[in-house]
Amino acid sequence: MMGIEMVNEQCGPLFSKAAYDCGFLSVYASNNPRVAQLLPPLTIERSLAAEIVDRVDLALAGVKRYLGL
């Protein structure tokens, strides 16, 4: 498991929505909604890892739009 800690408590839930819109599942940590949790497989092909990183970038851009930044 890994997480992305963001600037405020709105970001975790917003990232979950943006991730879904980008085609992957992420949940925010119930003990800290600033953190988006990712659970990639233990073994992963380089091409899939690159695709996940691209989708995370798109989701972060979506969070930025939702926040009006």
PDB file of N, CA and C in Angstrom:
ATOM      1  N   MET A   1       0.845  -1.162   0.000  1.00  0.00           N
ATOM      2  CA  MET A   1       0.000   0.000   0.000  1.00  0.00           C
ATOM      3  C   MET A   1       0.897   1.234   0.000  1.00  0.00           C
ATOM      4  N   MET A   2       0.430   2.250  -0.668  1.00  0.00           N
ATOM      5  CA  MET A   2       1.124   3.533  -0.643  1.00  0.00           C
ATOM      6  C   MET A   2       0.074   4.629  -0.616  1.00  0.00           C
ATOM      7  N   GLY A   3       0.486   5.809  -0.254  1.00  0.00           N
ATOM      8  CA  GLY A   3      -0.451   6.907  -0.178  1.00  0.00           C
ATOM      9  C   GLY A   3       0.145   8.204  -0.687  1.00  0.00           C
ATOM     10  N   ILE A   4      -0.751   9.091  -1.052  1.00  0.00           N
ATOM     11  CA  ILE A   4      -0.369  10.437  -1.480  1.00  0.00           C
ATOM     12  C   ILE A   4      -1.015  11.394  -0.492  1.00  0.00           C
ATOM     13  N   GLU A   5      -0.199  12.120   0.276  1.00  0.00           N
ATOM     14  CA  GLU A   5      -0.737  13.088   1.232  1.00  0.00           C
ATOM     15  C   GLU A   5      -0.899  14.430   0.532  1.00  0.00           C
ATOM     16  N   MET A   6      -2.099  14.989   0.634  1.00  0.00           N
ATOM     17  CA  MET A   6      -2.415  16.227  -0.061  1.00  0.00           C
ATOM     18  C   MET A   6      -2.657  17.355   0.933  1.00  0.00           C
ATOM     19  N   VAL A   7      -2.969  18.535   0.444  1.00  0.00           N
ATOM     20  CA  VAL A   7      -2.942  19.745   1.256  1.00  0.00           C
ATOM     21  C   VAL A   7      -4.064  19.886   2.273  1.00  0.00           C
ATOM     22  N   ASN A   8      -5.231  19.309   2.016  1.00  0.00           N
ATOM     23  CA  ASN A   8      -6.314  19.459   2.990  1.00  0.00           C
ATOM     24  C   ASN A   8      -7.245  18.251   2.966  1.00  0.00           C
ATOM     25  N   GLU A   9      -8.180  18.216   3.903  1.00  0.00           N
ATOM     26  CA  GLU A   9      -9.045  17.056   4.084  1.00  0.00           C
ATOM     27  C   GLU A   9     -10.049  16.861   2.955  1.00  0.00           C
ATOM     28  N   GLN A  10     -10.275  17.853   2.135  1.00  0.00           N
ATOM     29  CA  GLN A  10     -11.167  17.700   0.983  1.00  0.00           C
ATOM     30  C   GLN A  10     -10.525  16.871  -0.120  1.00  0.00           C
ATOM     31  N   CYS A  11      -9.206  16.853  -0.152  1.00  0.00           N
ATOM     32  CA  CYS A  11      -8.494  16.260  -1.279  1.00  0.00           C
ATOM     33  C   CYS A  11      -8.637  14.745  -1.376  1.00  0.00           C
ATOM     34  N   GLY A  12      -8.660  14.041  -0.257  1.00  0.00           N
ATOM     35  CA  GLY A  12      -8.786  12.583  -0.319  1.00  0.00           C
ATOM     36  C   GLY A  12     -10.066  12.145  -1.006  1.00  0.00           C
ATOM     37  N   PRO A  13     -11.228  12.624  -0.521  1.00  0.00           N
ATOM     38  CA  PRO A  13     -12.471  12.274  -1.206  1.00  0.00           C
ATOM     39  C   PRO A  13     -12.519  12.753  -2.656  1.00  0.00           C
ATOM     40  N   LEU A  14     -11.999  13.946  -2.920  1.00  0.00           N
ATOM     41  CA  LEU A  14     -11.974  14.441  -4.299  1.00  0.00           C
ATOM     42  C   LEU A  14     -11.083  13.577  -5.180  1.00  0.00           C
ATOM     43  N   PHE A  15      -9.954  13.121  -4.634  1.00  0.00           N
ATOM     44  CA  PHE A  15      -9.069  12.252  -5.405  1.00  0.00           C
ATOM     45  C   PHE A  15      -9.763  10.931  -5.710  1.00  0.00           C
ATOM     46  N   SER A  16     -10.523  10.384  -4.755  1.00  0.00           N
ATOM     47  CA  SER A  16     -11.259   9.140  -5.008  1.00  0.00           C
ATOM     48  C   SER A  16     -12.188   9.306  -6.205  1.00  0.00           C
ATOM     49  N   LYS A  17     -12.902  10.414  -6.264  1.00  0.00           N
ATOM     50  CA  LYS A  17     -13.805  10.695  -7.391  1.00  0.00           C
ATOM     51  C   LYS A  17     -13.022  10.870  -8.679  1.00  0.00           C
ATOM     52  N   ALA A  18     -11.957  11.651  -8.631  1.00  0.00           N
ATOM     53  CA  ALA A  18     -11.158  11.905  -9.831  1.00  0.00           C
ATOM     54  C   ALA A  18     -10.498  10.616 -10.323  1.00  0.00           C
ATOM     55  N   ALA A  19     -10.031   9.778  -9.411  1.00  0.00           N
ATOM     56  CA  ALA A  19      -9.422   8.501  -9.796  1.00  0.00           C
ATOM     57  C   ALA A  19     -10.445   7.623 -10.511  1.00  0.00           C
ATOM     58  N   TYR A  20     -11.643   7.554  -9.960  1.00  0.00           N
ATOM     59  CA  TYR A  20     -12.704   6.776 -10.597  1.00  0.00           C
ATOM     60  C   TYR A  20     -12.952   7.286 -12.016  1.00  0.00           C
ATOM     61  N   ASP A  21     -13.004   8.601 -12.170  1.00  0.00           N
ATOM     62  CA  ASP A  21     -13.206   9.195 -13.498  1.00  0.00           C
ATOM     63  C   ASP A  21     -12.065   8.850 -14.454  1.00  0.00           C
ATOM     64  N   CYS A  22     -10.865   8.584 -13.907  1.00  0.00           N
ATOM     65  CA  CYS A  22      -9.698   8.235 -14.725  1.00  0.00           C
ATOM     66  C   CYS A  22      -9.527   6.720 -14.877  1.00  0.00           C
ATOM     67  N   GLY A  23     -10.448   5.951 -14.336  1.00  0.00           N
ATOM     68  CA  GLY A  23     -10.437   4.514 -14.569  1.00  0.00           C
ATOM     69  C   GLY A  23      -9.676   3.668 -13.573  1.00  0.00           C
ATOM     70  N   PHE A  24      -9.452   4.192 -12.351  1.00  0.00           N
ATOM     71  CA  PHE A  24      -8.826   3.344 -11.336  1.00  0.00           C
ATOM     72  C   PHE A  24      -9.427   3.650  -9.969  1.00  0.00           C
ATOM     73  N   LEU A  25      -9.218   2.730  -9.041  1.00  0.00           N
ATOM     74  CA  LEU A  25      -9.818   2.829  -7.720  1.00  0.00           C
ATOM     75  C   LEU A  25      -8.800   3.319  -6.707  1.00  0.00           C
ATOM     76  N   SER A  26      -9.192   4.310  -5.946  1.00  0.00           N
ATOM     77  CA  SER A  26      -8.398   4.810  -4.832  1.00  0.00           C
ATOM     78  C   SER A  26      -9.369   5.193  -3.730  1.00  0.00           C
ATOM     79  N   VAL A  27      -9.012   4.901  -2.505  1.00  0.00           N
ATOM     80  CA  VAL A  27      -9.833   5.312  -1.364  1.00  0.00           C
ATOM     81  C   VAL A  27      -8.988   6.216  -0.484  1.00  0.00           C
ATOM     82  N   TYR A  28      -9.648   7.095   0.242  1.00  0.00           N
ATOM     83  CA  TYR A  28      -8.895   7.942   1.157  1.00  0.00           C
ATOM     84  C   TYR A  28      -8.824   7.265   2.518  1.00  0.00           C
ATOM     85  N   ALA A  29      -7.782   7.563   3.245  1.00  0.00           N
ATOM     86  CA  ALA A  29      -7.553   6.945   4.545  1.00  0.00           C
ATOM     87  C   ALA A  29      -8.593   7.460   5.535  1.00  0.00           C
ATOM     88  N   SER A  30      -9.280   6.565   6.206  1.00  0.00           N
ATOM     89  CA  SER A  30     -10.333   6.998   7.131  1.00  0.00           C
ATOM     90  C   SER A  30      -9.768   7.759   8.336  1.00  0.00           C
ATOM     91  N   ASN A  31      -8.512   7.491   8.684  1.00  0.00           N
ATOM     92  CA  ASN A  31      -7.912   8.218   9.801  1.00  0.00           C
ATOM     93  C   ASN A  31      -7.280   9.540   9.367  1.00  0.00           C
ATOM     94  N   ASN A  32      -7.146   9.755   8.067  1.00  0.00           N
ATOM     95  CA  ASN A  32      -6.588  11.010   7.551  1.00  0.00           C
ATOM     96  C   ASN A  32      -7.090  11.224   6.133  1.00  0.00           C
ATOM     97  N   PRO A  33      -8.205  11.951   5.949  1.00  0.00           N
ATOM     98  CA  PRO A  33      -8.768  12.120   4.614  1.00  0.00           C
ATOM     99  C   PRO A  33      -7.905  12.952   3.669  1.00  0.00           C
ATOM    100  N   ARG A  34      -6.765  13.447   4.149  1.00  0.00           N
ATOM    101  CA  ARG A  34      -5.820  14.115   3.238  1.00  0.00           C
ATOM    102  C   ARG A  34      -5.031  13.099   2.420  1.00  0.00           C
ATOM    103  N   VAL A  35      -5.084  11.817   2.802  1.00  0.00           N
ATOM    104  CA  VAL A  35      -4.250  10.791   2.178  1.00  0.00           C
ATOM    105  C   VAL A  35      -5.082   9.907   1.255  1.00  0.00           C
ATOM    106  N   ALA A  36      -4.695   9.858  -0.012  1.00  0.00           N
ATOM    107  CA  ALA A  36      -5.295   8.934  -0.976  1.00  0.00           C
ATOM    108  C   ALA A  36      -4.471   7.657  -0.964  1.00  0.00           C
ATOM    109  N   GLN A  37      -5.144   6.518  -0.792  1.00  0.00           N
ATOM    110  CA  GLN A  37      -4.450   5.237  -0.732  1.00  0.00           C
ATOM    111  C   GLN A  37      -4.471   4.556  -2.094  1.00  0.00           C
ATOM    112  N   LEU A  38      -3.331   3.983  -2.449  1.00  0.00           N
ATOM    113  CA  LEU A  38      -3.194   3.195  -3.683  1.00  0.00           C
ATOM    114  C   LEU A  38      -2.685   1.814  -3.285  1.00  0.00           C
ATOM    115  N   LEU A  39      -3.221   0.785  -3.907  1.00  0.00           N
ATOM    116  CA  LEU A  39      -2.814  -0.580  -3.605  1.00  0.00           C
ATOM    117  C   LEU A  39      -2.388  -1.289  -4.891  1.00  0.00           C
ATOM    118  N   PRO A  40      -1.220  -0.951  -5.425  1.00  0.00           N
ATOM    119  CA  PRO A  40      -0.771  -1.619  -6.651  1.00  0.00           C
ATOM    120  C   PRO A  40      -0.380  -3.067  -6.341  1.00  0.00           C
ATOM    121  N   PRO A  41      -0.401  -3.928  -7.342  1.00  0.00           N
ATOM    122  CA  PRO A  41       0.032  -5.312  -7.112  1.00  0.00           C
ATOM    123  C   PRO A  41       1.512  -5.372  -6.732  1.00  0.00           C
ATOM    124  N   LEU A  42       1.894  -6.444  -6.048  1.00  0.00           N
ATOM    125  CA  LEU A  42       3.291  -6.590  -5.643  1.00  0.00           C
ATOM    126  C   LEU A  42       4.217  -6.771  -6.836  1.00  0.00           C
ATOM    127  N   THR A  43       3.735  -7.437  -7.855  1.00  0.00           N
ATOM    128  CA  THR A  43       4.517  -7.567  -9.092  1.00  0.00           C
ATOM    129  C   THR A  43       3.758  -6.837 -10.181  1.00  0.00           C
ATOM    130  N   ILE A  44       4.471  -6.026 -10.922  1.00  0.00           N
ATOM    131  CA  ILE A  44       3.806  -5.176 -11.912  1.00  0.00           C
ATOM    132  C   ILE A  44       4.748  -4.947 -13.082  1.00  0.00           C
ATOM    133  N   GLU A  45       4.197  -4.954 -14.256  1.00  0.00           N
ATOM    134  CA  GLU A  45       4.980  -4.656 -15.457  1.00  0.00           C
ATOM    135  C   GLU A  45       5.277  -3.159 -15.517  1.00  0.00           C
ATOM    136  N   ARG A  46       6.411  -2.831 -16.065  1.00  0.00           N
ATOM    137  CA  ARG A  46       6.813  -1.420 -16.184  1.00  0.00           C
ATOM    138  C   ARG A  46       5.765  -0.604 -16.941  1.00  0.00           C
ATOM    139  N   SER A  47       5.196  -1.179 -17.989  1.00  0.00           N
ATOM    140  CA  SER A  47       4.210  -0.443 -18.788  1.00  0.00           C
ATOM    141  C   SER A  47       2.948  -0.138 -17.977  1.00  0.00           C
ATOM    142  N   LEU A  48       2.514  -1.081 -17.132  1.00  0.00           N
ATOM    143  CA  LEU A  48       1.348  -0.833 -16.286  1.00  0.00           C
ATOM    144  C   LEU A  48       1.668   0.216 -15.224  1.00  0.00           C
ATOM    145  N   ALA A  49       2.853   0.167 -14.656  1.00  0.00           N
ATOM    146  CA  ALA A  49       3.257   1.179 -13.675  1.00  0.00           C
ATOM    147  C   ALA A  49       3.236   2.567 -14.307  1.00  0.00           C
ATOM    148  N   ALA A  50       3.722   2.674 -15.542  1.00  0.00           N
ATOM    149  CA  ALA A  50       3.714   3.966 -16.238  1.00  0.00           C
ATOM    150  C   ALA A  50       2.285   4.442 -16.486  1.00  0.00           C
ATOM    151  N   GLU A  51       1.402   3.518 -16.836  1.00  0.00           N
ATOM    152  CA  GLU A  51      -0.004   3.880 -17.062  1.00  0.00           C
ATOM    153  C   GLU A  51      -0.655   4.366 -15.761  1.00  0.00           C
ATOM    154  N   ILE A  52      -0.355   3.707 -14.669  1.00  0.00           N
ATOM    155  CA  ILE A  52      -0.903   4.121 -13.375  1.00  0.00           C
ATOM    156  C   ILE A  52      -0.416   5.515 -13.007  1.00  0.00           C
ATOM    157  N   VAL A  53       0.866   5.784 -13.204  1.00  0.00           N
ATOM    158  CA  VAL A  53       1.415   7.113 -12.908  1.00  0.00           C
ATOM    159  C   VAL A  53       0.720   8.170 -13.764  1.00  0.00           C
ATOM    160  N   ASP A  54       0.497   7.873 -15.036  1.00  0.00           N
ATOM    161  CA  ASP A  54      -0.200   8.819 -15.910  1.00  0.00           C
ATOM    162  C   ASP A  54      -1.617   9.085 -15.409  1.00  0.00           C
ATOM    163  N   ARG A  55      -2.310   8.028 -14.985  1.00  0.00           N
ATOM    164  CA  ARG A  55      -3.681   8.204 -14.484  1.00  0.00           C
ATOM    165  C   ARG A  55      -3.711   8.952 -13.160  1.00  0.00           C
ATOM    166  N   VAL A  56      -2.720   8.726 -12.313  1.00  0.00           N
ATOM    167  CA  VAL A  56      -2.630   9.488 -11.058  1.00  0.00           C
ATOM    168  C   VAL A  56      -2.433  10.963 -11.372  1.00  0.00           C
ATOM    169  N   ASP A  57      -1.577  11.274 -12.336  1.00  0.00           N
ATOM    170  CA  ASP A  57      -1.385  12.673 -12.739  1.00  0.00           C
ATOM    171  C   ASP A  57      -2.704  13.291 -13.210  1.00  0.00           C
ATOM    172  N   LEU A  58      -3.475  12.547 -14.000  1.00  0.00           N
ATOM    173  CA  LEU A  58      -4.775  13.048 -14.470  1.00  0.00           C
ATOM    174  C   LEU A  58      -5.726  13.263 -13.296  1.00  0.00           C
ATOM    175  N   ALA A  59      -5.727  12.332 -12.350  1.00  0.00           N
ATOM    176  CA  ALA A  59      -6.604  12.462 -11.188  1.00  0.00           C
ATOM    177  C   ALA A  59      -6.210  13.673 -10.338  1.00  0.00           C
ATOM    178  N   LEU A  60      -4.914  13.896 -10.157  1.00  0.00           N
ATOM    179  CA  LEU A  60      -4.465  15.075  -9.393  1.00  0.00           C
ATOM    180  C   LEU A  60      -4.883  16.356 -10.098  1.00  0.00           C
ATOM    181  N   ALA A  61      -4.822  16.371 -11.416  1.00  0.00           N
ATOM    182  CA  ALA A  61      -5.300  17.540 -12.170  1.00  0.00           C
ATOM    183  C   ALA A  61      -6.808  17.720 -11.959  1.00  0.00           C
ATOM    184  N   GLY A  62      -7.540  16.612 -11.860  1.00  0.00           N
ATOM    185  CA  GLY A  62      -8.975  16.690 -11.577  1.00  0.00           C
ATOM    186  C   GLY A  62      -9.244  17.265 -10.213  1.00  0.00           C
ATOM    187  N   VAL A  63      -8.484  16.875  -9.210  1.00  0.00           N
ATOM    188  CA  VAL A  63      -8.639  17.437  -7.862  1.00  0.00           C
ATOM    189  C   VAL A  63      -8.389  18.945  -7.909  1.00  0.00           C
ATOM    190  N   LYS A  64      -7.381  19.326  -8.627  1.00  0.00           N
ATOM    191  CA  LYS A  64      -7.069  20.759  -8.751  1.00  0.00           C
ATOM    192  C   LYS A  64      -8.242  21.507  -9.369  1.00  0.00           C
ATOM    193  N   ARG A  65      -8.857  20.919 -10.405  1.00  0.00           N
ATOM    194  CA  ARG A  65     -10.023  21.562 -11.015  1.00  0.00           C
ATOM    195  C   ARG A  65     -11.193  21.640 -10.029  1.00  0.00           C
ATOM    196  N   TYR A  66     -11.449  20.537  -9.295  1.00  0.00           N
ATOM    197  CA  TYR A  66     -12.547  20.534  -8.330  1.00  0.00           C
ATOM    198  C   TYR A  66     -12.358  21.616  -7.275  1.00  0.00           C
ATOM    199  N   LEU A  67     -11.106  21.872  -6.896  1.00  0.00           N
ATOM    200  CA  LEU A  67     -10.823  22.894  -5.891  1.00  0.00           C
ATOM    201  C   LEU A  67     -10.800  24.297  -6.475  1.00  0.00           C
ATOM    202  N   GLY A  68     -10.906  24.403  -7.803  1.00  0.00           N
ATOM    203  CA  GLY A  68     -10.911  25.706  -8.449  1.00  0.00           C
ATOM    204  C   GLY A  68      -9.546  26.352  -8.519  1.00  0.00           C
ATOM    205  N   LEU A  69      -8.511  25.526  -8.562  1.00  0.00           N
ATOM    206  CA  LEU A  69      -7.143  26.064  -8.611  1.00  0.00           C
ATOM    207  C   LEU A  69      -6.614  26.097 -10.024  1.00  0.00           C
TER     208      LEU A  69
END
